[in-house]
């Protein structure tokens, strides 16, 4: 295969409105005075694309965008960062969410469920053309990407996905969990993380399953063995957890695609995730390859 793209990112483009609140959960009141309210481009697919691009991987992003101001923000983000973007028209408008961020960096995300339809699809010919020249495809868990899974699997390209705060039982995420070669998931909603990780590996195609656990680090299941990925202390104060999981995935994929062993990939993910926690949600700063390799050097 003639590879022109290292990582093709499917889905996950959108805009978040960031609101810093005095505490979470937010007490009921008629009103709250907050420091700032700011809309910026960047949802899960955007941040994975930003992350792997900053680490030097040839990156392309494919998703549905509306002909609206929010879509313009996404287009500008990719243009300014030099990331190739192929957009498919989305009549319902660009995906958007409101993120409430507490003083400790925790967040509560409110997603607008009207910006799409279960029949939304990425054109198969576009998916095929891009995937055929890609080394790897990272698939966001959005409906258009779900429809693309059979074609991607048929093409034989390696896949990764992030199930985010899956509880291990909801059927929608299973189609992604069992089709991907690399699966990321948060332990937040998992009653028994190891059981879920082994379930993913046993029922699906995953060669590796990684469960991120915030300040506790992460856990990696590879070749039947479960290991702990130690947490990395951020080099600056923690201000926000937005994008930490996406940064972890980007760091891990960089290690994977540069031939590093699993434990080294995990370290790269931990370093990138820790860095993301030091960046305000209103920004879209990601760790560079030099910073990553410097922090991962004993």
C-alpha atoms as a PDB file:
ATOM      1  CA  UNK A   1       0.000   0.000   0.000  1.00  0.00           C
ATOM      2  CA  UNK A   2       1.257   3.450  -0.943  1.00  0.00           C
ATOM      3  CA  UNK A   3       0.890   5.346   2.322  1.00  0.00           C
ATOM      4  CA  UNK A   4       0.359   9.089   2.074  1.00  0.00           C
ATOM      5  CA  UNK A   5      -1.319   9.474   5.485  1.00  0.00           C
ATOM      6  CA  UNK A   6      -0.086   8.113   8.807  1.00  0.00           C
ATOM      7  CA  UNK A   7      -3.316   8.690  10.744  1.00  0.00           C
ATOM      8  CA  UNK A   8      -6.735   9.234   9.230  1.00  0.00           C
ATOM      9  CA  UNK A   9      -9.117  10.549  11.896  1.00  0.00           C
ATOM     10  CA  UNK A  10     -12.791   9.882  11.281  1.00  0.00           C
ATOM     11  CA  UNK A  11     -15.416  12.003  13.024  1.00  0.00           C
ATOM     12  CA  UNK A  12     -15.303  13.982  16.245  1.00  0.00           C
ATOM     13  CA  UNK A  13     -15.125  17.481  14.753  1.00  0.00           C
ATOM     14  CA  UNK A  14     -17.042  20.189  16.550  1.00  0.00           C
ATOM     15  CA  UNK A  15     -17.125  23.224  18.791  1.00  0.00           C
ATOM     16  CA  UNK A  16     -17.188  23.442  22.587  1.00  0.00           C
ATOM     17  CA  UNK A  17     -18.415  26.414  24.580  1.00  0.00           C
ATOM     18  CA  UNK A  18     -16.287  26.533  27.729  1.00  0.00           C
ATOM     19  CA  UNK A  19     -17.770  27.860  30.970  1.00  0.00           C
ATOM     20  CA  UNK A  20     -15.609  27.995  34.112  1.00  0.00           C
ATOM     21  CA  UNK A  21     -17.850  27.468  37.132  1.00  0.00           C
ATOM     22  CA  UNK A  22     -17.132  27.897  40.863  1.00  0.00           C
ATOM     23  CA  UNK A  23     -17.769  24.239  41.641  1.00  0.00           C
ATOM     24  CA  UNK A  24     -19.140  20.973  40.278  1.00  0.00           C
ATOM     25  CA  UNK A  25     -21.848  19.969  40.717  1.00  0.00           C
ATOM     26  CA  UNK A  26     -23.065  23.503  40.230  1.00  0.00           C
ATOM     27  CA  UNK A  27     -25.515  24.526  42.966  1.00  0.00           C
ATOM     28  CA  UNK A  28     -28.933  25.590  41.795  1.00  0.00           C
ATOM     29  CA  UNK A  29     -29.323  29.357  41.561  1.00  0.00           C
ATOM     30  CA  UNK A  30     -31.098  31.857  39.383  1.00  0.00           C
ATOM     31  CA  UNK A  31     -27.707  32.977  38.069  1.00  0.00           C
ATOM     32  CA  UNK A  32     -23.959  32.552  38.518  1.00  0.00           C
ATOM     33  CA  UNK A  33     -21.217  35.036  37.668  1.00  0.00           C
ATOM     34  CA  UNK A  34     -18.467  33.182  35.805  1.00  0.00           C
ATOM     35  CA  UNK A  35     -14.978  34.304  34.686  1.00  0.00           C
ATOM     36  CA  UNK A  36     -15.557  33.759  30.985  1.00  0.00           C
ATOM     37  CA  UNK A  37     -17.636  32.003  28.368  1.00  0.00           C
ATOM     38  CA  UNK A  38     -15.766  31.170  25.187  1.00  0.00           C
ATOM     39  CA  UNK A  39     -16.508  29.017  22.153  1.00  0.00           C
ATOM     40  CA  UNK A  40     -13.586  27.282  20.450  1.00  0.00           C
ATOM     41  CA  UNK A  41     -13.172  24.560  17.882  1.00  0.00           C
ATOM     42  CA  UNK A  42     -12.060  21.225  19.215  1.00  0.00           C
ATOM     43  CA  UNK A  43     -13.871  18.028  20.094  1.00  0.00           C
ATOM     44  CA  UNK A  44     -12.455  14.523  20.383  1.00  0.00           C
ATOM     45  CA  UNK A  45     -11.534  13.964  16.732  1.00  0.00           C
ATOM     46  CA  UNK A  46     -10.094  17.447  16.391  1.00  0.00           C
ATOM     47  CA  UNK A  47      -7.849  16.928  19.418  1.00  0.00           C
ATOM     48  CA  UNK A  48      -6.607  13.519  18.295  1.00  0.00           C
ATOM     49  CA  UNK A  49      -5.801  15.036  14.895  1.00  0.00           C
ATOM     50  CA  UNK A  50      -4.037  17.991  16.533  1.00  0.00           C
ATOM     51  CA  UNK A  51      -2.100  15.651  18.793  1.00  0.00           C
ATOM     52  CA  UNK A  52      -0.737  13.241  16.210  1.00  0.00           C
ATOM     53  CA  UNK A  53      -0.021  16.079  13.785  1.00  0.00           C
ATOM     54  CA  UNK A  54       2.033  17.936  16.403  1.00  0.00           C
ATOM     55  CA  UNK A  55       4.008  14.733  16.971  1.00  0.00           C
ATOM     56  CA  UNK A  56       5.037  14.686  13.324  1.00  0.00           C
ATOM     57  CA  UNK A  57       2.597  12.145  11.890  1.00  0.00           C
ATOM     58  CA  UNK A  58       0.981  12.866   8.548  1.00  0.00           C
ATOM     59  CA  UNK A  59      -2.620  13.493   9.503  1.00  0.00           C
ATOM     60  CA  UNK A  60      -5.956  13.835   7.720  1.00  0.00           C
ATOM     61  CA  UNK A  61      -9.356  14.481   9.305  1.00  0.00           C
ATOM     62  CA  UNK A  62     -12.694  13.484   7.747  1.00  0.00           C
ATOM     63  CA  UNK A  63     -16.068  14.483   9.191  1.00  0.00           C
ATOM     64  CA  UNK A  64     -19.408  16.177   8.601  1.00  0.00           C
ATOM     65  CA  UNK A  65     -19.578  19.964   9.122  1.00  0.00           C
ATOM     66  CA  UNK A  66     -22.349  22.499   8.801  1.00  0.00           C
ATOM     67  CA  UNK A  67     -22.334  25.645   6.663  1.00  0.00           C
ATOM     68  CA  UNK A  68     -22.378  27.719   9.852  1.00  0.00           C
ATOM     69  CA  UNK A  69     -20.167  29.793  12.127  1.00  0.00           C
ATOM     70  CA  UNK A  70     -19.262  26.753  14.207  1.00  0.00           C
ATOM     71  CA  UNK A  71     -18.123  24.938  11.071  1.00  0.00           C
ATOM     72  CA  UNK A  72     -16.008  27.958  10.170  1.00  0.00           C
ATOM     73  CA  UNK A  73     -14.250  27.665  13.547  1.00  0.00           C
ATOM     74  CA  UNK A  74     -13.398  24.025  12.845  1.00  0.00           C
ATOM     75  CA  UNK A  75     -12.201  24.826   9.335  1.00  0.00           C
ATOM     76  CA  UNK A  76     -10.038  27.666  10.646  1.00  0.00           C
ATOM     77  CA  UNK A  77      -8.483  25.445  13.329  1.00  0.00           C
ATOM     78  CA  UNK A  78      -7.353  22.893  10.750  1.00  0.00           C
ATOM     79  CA  UNK A  79      -6.212  25.519   8.283  1.00  0.00           C
ATOM     80  CA  UNK A  80      -4.187  27.392  10.900  1.00  0.00           C
ATOM     81  CA  UNK A  81      -2.531  24.200  12.182  1.00  0.00           C
ATOM     82  CA  UNK A  82      -1.854  22.812   8.712  1.00  0.00           C
ATOM     83  CA  UNK A  83      -4.006  19.702   9.154  1.00  0.00           C
ATOM     84  CA  UNK A  84      -5.723  18.338   6.068  1.00  0.00           C
ATOM     85  CA  UNK A  85      -9.517  18.327   6.433  1.00  0.00           C
ATOM     86  CA  UNK A  86     -12.096  16.718   4.183  1.00  0.00           C
ATOM     87  CA  UNK A  87     -15.594  17.840   5.096  1.00  0.00           C
ATOM     88  CA  UNK A  88     -18.961  16.367   4.213  1.00  0.00           C
ATOM     89  CA  UNK A  89     -21.983  18.719   4.354  1.00  0.00           C
ATOM     90  CA  UNK A  90     -24.066  18.359   7.518  1.00  0.00           C
ATOM     91  CA  UNK A  91     -27.506  19.987   7.029  1.00  0.00           C
ATOM     92  CA  UNK A  92     -28.225  19.798  10.771  1.00  0.00           C
ATOM     93  CA  UNK A  93     -25.193  21.943  11.538  1.00  0.00           C
ATOM     94  CA  UNK A  94     -21.798  21.433  13.145  1.00  0.00           C
ATOM     95  CA  UNK A  95     -21.654  19.399  16.358  1.00  0.00           C
ATOM     96  CA  UNK A  96     -21.411  21.483  19.507  1.00  0.00           C
ATOM     97  CA  UNK A  97     -21.342  21.115  23.261  1.00  0.00           C
ATOM     98  CA  UNK A  98     -21.109  23.156  26.453  1.00  0.00           C
ATOM     99  CA  UNK A  99     -18.367  22.168  28.900  1.00  0.00           C
ATOM    100  CA  UNK A 100     -18.680  23.258  32.513  1.00  0.00           C
ATOM    101  CA  UNK A 101     -15.189  23.249  34.053  1.00  0.00           C
ATOM    102  CA  UNK A 102     -14.631  23.321  37.821  1.00  0.00           C
ATOM    103  CA  UNK A 103     -11.659  24.820  39.704  1.00  0.00           C
ATOM    104  CA  UNK A 104     -10.004  21.391  39.977  1.00  0.00           C
ATOM    105  CA  UNK A 105     -10.127  20.859  36.205  1.00  0.00           C
ATOM    106  CA  UNK A 106     -13.020  18.407  36.200  1.00  0.00           C
ATOM    107  CA  UNK A 107     -15.642  18.931  33.522  1.00  0.00           C
ATOM    108  CA  UNK A 108     -19.282  18.279  32.774  1.00  0.00           C
ATOM    109  CA  UNK A 109     -20.131  18.149  29.078  1.00  0.00           C
ATOM    110  CA  UNK A 110     -23.576  18.934  27.667  1.00  0.00           C
ATOM    111  CA  UNK A 111     -23.895  17.694  24.083  1.00  0.00           C
ATOM    112  CA  UNK A 112     -26.371  19.111  21.587  1.00  0.00           C
ATOM    113  CA  UNK A 113     -28.199  16.052  20.307  1.00  0.00           C
ATOM    114  CA  UNK A 114     -29.894  17.834  17.407  1.00  0.00           C
ATOM    115  CA  UNK A 115     -26.780  18.206  15.230  1.00  0.00           C
ATOM    116  CA  UNK A 116     -27.055  14.902  13.441  1.00  0.00           C
ATOM    117  CA  UNK A 117     -29.242  11.983  12.495  1.00  0.00           C
ATOM    118  CA  UNK A 118     -28.819   8.228  12.818  1.00  0.00           C
ATOM    119  CA  UNK A 119     -28.784   7.949   9.020  1.00  0.00           C
ATOM    120  CA  UNK A 120     -25.877  10.381   8.591  1.00  0.00           C
ATOM    121  CA  UNK A 121     -23.107   8.785   6.569  1.00  0.00           C
ATOM    122  CA  UNK A 122     -19.635   9.568   5.348  1.00  0.00           C
ATOM    123  CA  UNK A 123     -19.568   8.836   1.594  1.00  0.00           C
ATOM    124  CA  UNK A 124     -18.118   5.321   1.149  1.00  0.00           C
ATOM    125  CA  UNK A 125     -16.065   6.416  -1.856  1.00  0.00           C
ATOM    126  CA  UNK A 126     -14.446   9.176   0.213  1.00  0.00           C
ATOM    127  CA  UNK A 127     -13.732   6.846   3.120  1.00  0.00           C
ATOM    128  CA  UNK A 128     -12.270   4.256   0.760  1.00  0.00           C
ATOM    129  CA  UNK A 129     -10.080   6.758  -1.074  1.00  0.00           C
ATOM    130  CA  UNK A 130      -8.563   8.163   2.118  1.00  0.00           C
ATOM    131  CA  UNK A 131      -8.269   4.881   4.015  1.00  0.00           C
ATOM    132  CA  UNK A 132      -6.567   3.200   1.062  1.00  0.00           C
ATOM    133  CA  UNK A 133      -3.582   5.542   1.439  1.00  0.00           C
ATOM    134  CA  UNK A 134      -3.518   5.565   5.260  1.00  0.00           C
ATOM    135  CA  UNK A 135      -1.389   3.535   7.647  1.00  0.00           C
ATOM    136  CA  UNK A 136      -3.955   3.739  10.421  1.00  0.00           C
ATOM    137  CA  UNK A 137      -7.487   5.019  11.052  1.00  0.00           C
ATOM    138  CA  UNK A 138      -8.711   6.436  14.374  1.00  0.00           C
ATOM    139  CA  UNK A 139     -12.502   6.213  14.546  1.00  0.00           C
ATOM    140  CA  UNK A 140     -14.629   8.471  16.755  1.00  0.00           C
ATOM    141  CA  UNK A 141     -17.783   6.932  18.220  1.00  0.00           C
ATOM    142  CA  UNK A 142     -20.234   9.008  16.189  1.00  0.00           C
ATOM    143  CA  UNK A 143     -23.034   7.625  14.041  1.00  0.00           C
ATOM    144  CA  UNK A 144     -21.468   8.362  10.629  1.00  0.00           C
ATOM    145  CA  UNK A 145     -18.339   6.501  11.747  1.00  0.00           C
ATOM    146  CA  UNK A 146     -20.380   3.506  12.887  1.00  0.00           C
ATOM    147  CA  UNK A 147     -21.696   3.136   9.348  1.00  0.00           C
ATOM    148  CA  UNK A 148     -18.114   3.256   8.021  1.00  0.00           C
ATOM    149  CA  UNK A 149     -16.815   0.405  10.218  1.00  0.00           C
ATOM    150  CA  UNK A 150     -17.691  -2.514   7.866  1.00  0.00           C
ATOM    151  CA  UNK A 151     -15.943  -0.837   4.935  1.00  0.00           C
ATOM    152  CA  UNK A 152     -12.849  -0.051   6.991  1.00  0.00           C
ATOM    153  CA  UNK A 153     -12.645  -3.609   8.299  1.00  0.00           C
ATOM    154  CA  UNK A 154     -13.086  -4.965   4.766  1.00  0.00           C
ATOM    155  CA  UNK A 155     -10.134  -2.837   3.629  1.00  0.00           C
ATOM    156  CA  UNK A 156      -7.875  -4.348   6.289  1.00  0.00           C
ATOM    157  CA  UNK A 157      -6.546  -1.043   7.654  1.00  0.00           C
ATOM    158  CA  UNK A 158      -5.734  -1.026  11.374  1.00  0.00           C
ATOM    159  CA  UNK A 159      -8.257   0.793  13.533  1.00  0.00           C
ATOM    160  CA  UNK A 160      -8.278   2.495  16.914  1.00  0.00           C
ATOM    161  CA  UNK A 161     -11.171   3.998  18.840  1.00  0.00           C
ATOM    162  CA  UNK A 162     -11.871   5.706  22.147  1.00  0.00           C
ATOM    163  CA  UNK A 163     -14.997   4.529  23.983  1.00  0.00           C
ATOM    164  CA  UNK A 164     -14.650   7.380  26.497  1.00  0.00           C
ATOM    165  CA  UNK A 165     -16.832   6.812  29.578  1.00  0.00           C
ATOM    166  CA  UNK A 166     -18.464   3.586  28.383  1.00  0.00           C
ATOM    167  CA  UNK A 167     -19.998   1.553  31.197  1.00  0.00           C
ATOM    168  CA  UNK A 168     -19.182  -1.761  29.541  1.00  0.00           C
ATOM    169  CA  UNK A 169     -22.807  -2.639  28.811  1.00  0.00           C
ATOM    170  CA  UNK A 170     -24.335  -0.084  26.435  1.00  0.00           C
ATOM    171  CA  UNK A 171     -24.653  -1.815  23.030  1.00  0.00           C
ATOM    172  CA  UNK A 172     -23.911   1.234  20.880  1.00  0.00           C
ATOM    173  CA  UNK A 173     -20.214   1.338  21.819  1.00  0.00           C
ATOM    174  CA  UNK A 174     -19.785  -2.410  21.340  1.00  0.00           C
ATOM    175  CA  UNK A 175     -19.601  -2.117  17.551  1.00  0.00           C
ATOM    176  CA  UNK A 176     -16.554   0.121  17.951  1.00  0.00           C
ATOM    177  CA  UNK A 177     -15.023  -1.879  20.799  1.00  0.00           C
ATOM    178  CA  UNK A 178     -15.147  -5.177  18.923  1.00  0.00           C
ATOM    179  CA  UNK A 179     -13.970  -3.899  15.522  1.00  0.00           C
ATOM    180  CA  UNK A 180     -10.904  -1.887  16.568  1.00  0.00           C
ATOM    181  CA  UNK A 181      -7.348  -3.176  16.892  1.00  0.00           C
ATOM    182  CA  UNK A 182      -6.509  -0.615  19.593  1.00  0.00           C
ATOM    183  CA  UNK A 183      -9.219   0.337  22.086  1.00  0.00           C
ATOM    184  CA  UNK A 184      -9.062   3.188  24.563  1.00  0.00           C
ATOM    185  CA  UNK A 185     -11.635   3.500  27.343  1.00  0.00           C
ATOM    186  CA  UNK A 186     -11.933   5.486  30.564  1.00  0.00           C
ATOM    187  CA  UNK A 187     -12.375   3.647  33.859  1.00  0.00           C
ATOM    188  CA  UNK A 188     -14.808   6.352  35.037  1.00  0.00           C
ATOM    189  CA  UNK A 189     -17.991   4.331  34.516  1.00  0.00           C
ATOM    190  CA  UNK A 190     -16.538   0.807  34.648  1.00  0.00           C
ATOM    191  CA  UNK A 191     -17.521  -1.331  37.635  1.00  0.00           C
ATOM    192  CA  UNK A 192     -14.733  -3.805  36.855  1.00  0.00           C
ATOM    193  CA  UNK A 193     -12.175  -2.345  34.411  1.00  0.00           C
ATOM    194  CA  UNK A 194     -10.170  -5.566  33.989  1.00  0.00           C
ATOM    195  CA  UNK A 195     -13.259  -7.608  33.222  1.00  0.00           C
ATOM    196  CA  UNK A 196     -14.371  -5.099  30.588  1.00  0.00           C
ATOM    197  CA  UNK A 197     -10.902  -4.954  29.054  1.00  0.00           C
ATOM    198  CA  UNK A 198     -10.753  -8.732  28.776  1.00  0.00           C
ATOM    199  CA  UNK A 199     -14.265  -8.767  27.376  1.00  0.00           C
ATOM    200  CA  UNK A 200     -13.204  -6.365  24.625  1.00  0.00           C
ATOM    201  CA  UNK A 201     -10.116  -8.425  23.780  1.00  0.00           C
ATOM    202  CA  UNK A 202     -11.969 -11.734  23.978  1.00  0.00           C
ATOM    203  CA  UNK A 203     -14.997 -10.828  21.908  1.00  0.00           C
ATOM    204  CA  UNK A 204     -13.387  -8.455  19.452  1.00  0.00           C
ATOM    205  CA  UNK A 205     -10.257  -7.930  17.390  1.00  0.00           C
ATOM    206  CA  UNK A 206      -8.308  -5.736  19.798  1.00  0.00           C
ATOM    207  CA  UNK A 207      -4.618  -6.478  20.085  1.00  0.00           C
ATOM    208  CA  UNK A 208      -4.332  -3.962  22.894  1.00  0.00           C
ATOM    209  CA  UNK A 209      -6.860  -2.377  25.263  1.00  0.00           C
ATOM    210  CA  UNK A 210      -5.955   0.666  27.342  1.00  0.00           C
ATOM    211  CA  UNK A 211      -8.102   1.939  30.215  1.00  0.00           C
ATOM    212  CA  UNK A 212      -7.181   5.427  31.374  1.00  0.00           C
ATOM    213  CA  UNK A 213      -7.696   6.171  35.072  1.00  0.00           C
ATOM    214  CA  UNK A 214      -6.887   9.866  35.467  1.00  0.00           C
ATOM    215  CA  UNK A 215      -4.487  10.593  38.317  1.00  0.00           C
ATOM    216  CA  UNK A 216      -4.029   6.847  38.870  1.00  0.00           C
ATOM    217  CA  UNK A 217      -2.444   6.419  35.453  1.00  0.00           C
ATOM    218  CA  UNK A 218      -3.787   3.761  33.103  1.00  0.00           C
ATOM    219  CA  UNK A 219      -3.995   0.005  32.581  1.00  0.00           C
ATOM    220  CA  UNK A 220      -2.911  -1.859  29.473  1.00  0.00           C
ATOM    221  CA  UNK A 221      -4.001  -5.298  28.343  1.00  0.00           C
ATOM    222  CA  UNK A 222      -1.604  -6.710  25.766  1.00  0.00           C
ATOM    223  CA  UNK A 223      -1.096 -10.336  24.805  1.00  0.00           C
ATOM    224  CA  UNK A 224      -3.300 -11.408  27.705  1.00  0.00           C
ATOM    225  CA  UNK A 225      -1.218  -9.591  30.325  1.00  0.00           C
ATOM    226  CA  UNK A 226      -2.591  -6.657  32.305  1.00  0.00           C
ATOM    227  CA  UNK A 227      -0.033  -4.029  33.326  1.00  0.00           C
ATOM    228  CA  UNK A 228      -0.213  -0.659  35.031  1.00  0.00           C
ATOM    229  CA  UNK A 229       0.919   2.516  33.280  1.00  0.00           C
ATOM    230  CA  UNK A 230       2.123   4.835  36.063  1.00  0.00           C
ATOM    231  CA  UNK A 231       0.790   8.394  36.128  1.00  0.00           C
ATOM    232  CA  UNK A 232       3.064  11.205  35.016  1.00  0.00           C
ATOM    233  CA  UNK A 233       3.281  14.326  37.144  1.00  0.00           C
ATOM    234  CA  UNK A 234       2.457  17.360  34.989  1.00  0.00           C
ATOM    235  CA  UNK A 235       5.243  19.894  34.617  1.00  0.00           C
ATOM    236  CA  UNK A 236       2.801  22.735  35.400  1.00  0.00           C
ATOM    237  CA  UNK A 237      -0.329  23.098  37.549  1.00  0.00           C
ATOM    238  CA  UNK A 238      -3.386  21.105  36.496  1.00  0.00           C
ATOM    239  CA  UNK A 239      -6.063  23.480  35.224  1.00  0.00           C
ATOM    240  CA  UNK A 240      -8.303  21.392  33.007  1.00  0.00           C
ATOM    241  CA  UNK A 241      -8.953  17.764  32.073  1.00  0.00           C
ATOM    242  CA  UNK A 242     -10.501  18.602  28.696  1.00  0.00           C
ATOM    243  CA  UNK A 243      -8.737  16.712  25.934  1.00  0.00           C
ATOM    244  CA  UNK A 244      -6.560  14.611  28.238  1.00  0.00           C
ATOM    245  CA  UNK A 245      -7.923  11.325  26.922  1.00  0.00           C
ATOM    246  CA  UNK A 246      -7.527  12.469  23.324  1.00  0.00           C
ATOM    247  CA  UNK A 247      -3.944  13.524  24.056  1.00  0.00           C
ATOM    248  CA  UNK A 248      -3.255  10.128  25.642  1.00  0.00           C
ATOM    249  CA  UNK A 249      -4.550   8.392  22.516  1.00  0.00           C
ATOM    250  CA  UNK A 250      -2.424  10.632  20.278  1.00  0.00           C
ATOM    251  CA  UNK A 251       0.731   9.951  22.291  1.00  0.00           C
ATOM    252  CA  UNK A 252       0.053   6.224  22.348  1.00  0.00           C
ATOM    253  CA  UNK A 253      -0.590   6.094  18.595  1.00  0.00           C
ATOM    254  CA  UNK A 254       2.630   7.999  17.949  1.00  0.00           C
ATOM    255  CA  UNK A 255       4.532   5.319  19.845  1.00  0.00           C
ATOM    256  CA  UNK A 256       2.682   2.558  18.071  1.00  0.00           C
ATOM    257  CA  UNK A 257       3.284   3.947  14.595  1.00  0.00           C
ATOM    258  CA  UNK A 258       6.961   4.591  15.272  1.00  0.00           C
ATOM    259  CA  UNK A 259       7.551   0.994  16.348  1.00  0.00           C
ATOM    260  CA  UNK A 260       7.794   1.427  20.113  1.00  0.00           C
ATOM    261  CA  UNK A 261       6.938  -1.465  22.489  1.00  0.00           C
ATOM    262  CA  UNK A 262       3.612  -1.320  24.384  1.00  0.00           C
ATOM    263  CA  UNK A 263       5.092  -0.061  27.642  1.00  0.00           C
ATOM    264  CA  UNK A 264       6.789   2.814  25.813  1.00  0.00           C
ATOM    265  CA  UNK A 265       3.554   3.625  23.968  1.00  0.00           C
ATOM    266  CA  UNK A 266       1.815   3.786  27.342  1.00  0.00           C
ATOM    267  CA  UNK A 267       4.438   6.173  28.669  1.00  0.00           C
ATOM    268  CA  UNK A 268       4.019   8.438  25.642  1.00  0.00           C
ATOM    269  CA  UNK A 269       0.266   8.457  26.235  1.00  0.00           C
ATOM    270  CA  UNK A 270       0.684   9.291  29.917  1.00  0.00           C
ATOM    271  CA  UNK A 271       3.096  12.149  29.184  1.00  0.00           C
ATOM    272  CA  UNK A 272       0.810  13.648  26.515  1.00  0.00           C
ATOM    273  CA  UNK A 273      -2.265  13.282  28.725  1.00  0.00           C
ATOM    274  CA  UNK A 274      -0.531  14.958  31.662  1.00  0.00           C
ATOM    275  CA  UNK A 275       0.537  17.850  29.457  1.00  0.00           C
ATOM    276  CA  UNK A 276      -3.054  18.340  28.262  1.00  0.00           C
ATOM    277  CA  UNK A 277      -4.200  18.806  31.866  1.00  0.00           C
ATOM    278  CA  UNK A 278      -2.015  21.919  32.133  1.00  0.00           C
ATOM    279  CA  UNK A 279      -3.697  23.651  29.181  1.00  0.00           C
ATOM    280  CA  UNK A 280      -6.877  25.721  29.669  1.00  0.00           C
ATOM    281  CA  UNK A 281      -9.906  24.342  27.846  1.00  0.00           C
ATOM    282  CA  UNK A 282     -10.225  27.601  25.962  1.00  0.00           C
ATOM    283  CA  UNK A 283      -6.943  26.826  24.207  1.00  0.00           C
ATOM    284  CA  UNK A 284      -5.977  24.075  21.804  1.00  0.00           C
ATOM    285  CA  UNK A 285      -2.341  23.582  22.762  1.00  0.00           C
ATOM    286  CA  UNK A 286      -0.852  20.090  22.426  1.00  0.00           C
ATOM    287  CA  UNK A 287       2.520  18.604  23.260  1.00  0.00           C
ATOM    288  CA  UNK A 288       5.233  18.677  20.599  1.00  0.00           C
ATOM    289  CA  UNK A 289       7.378  15.709  19.615  1.00  0.00           C
ATOM    290  CA  UNK A 290      10.436  17.311  21.210  1.00  0.00           C
ATOM    291  CA  UNK A 291       8.597  17.905  24.476  1.00  0.00           C
ATOM    292  CA  UNK A 292       7.173  14.388  24.477  1.00  0.00           C
ATOM    293  CA  UNK A 293      10.485  12.670  23.848  1.00  0.00           C
ATOM    294  CA  UNK A 294      12.238  14.917  26.348  1.00  0.00           C
ATOM    295  CA  UNK A 295       9.742  14.119  29.096  1.00  0.00           C
ATOM    296  CA  UNK A 296       9.802  10.390  28.276  1.00  0.00           C
ATOM    297  CA  UNK A 297      13.601  10.152  28.497  1.00  0.00           C
ATOM    298  CA  UNK A 298      14.845   8.595  31.781  1.00  0.00           C
END
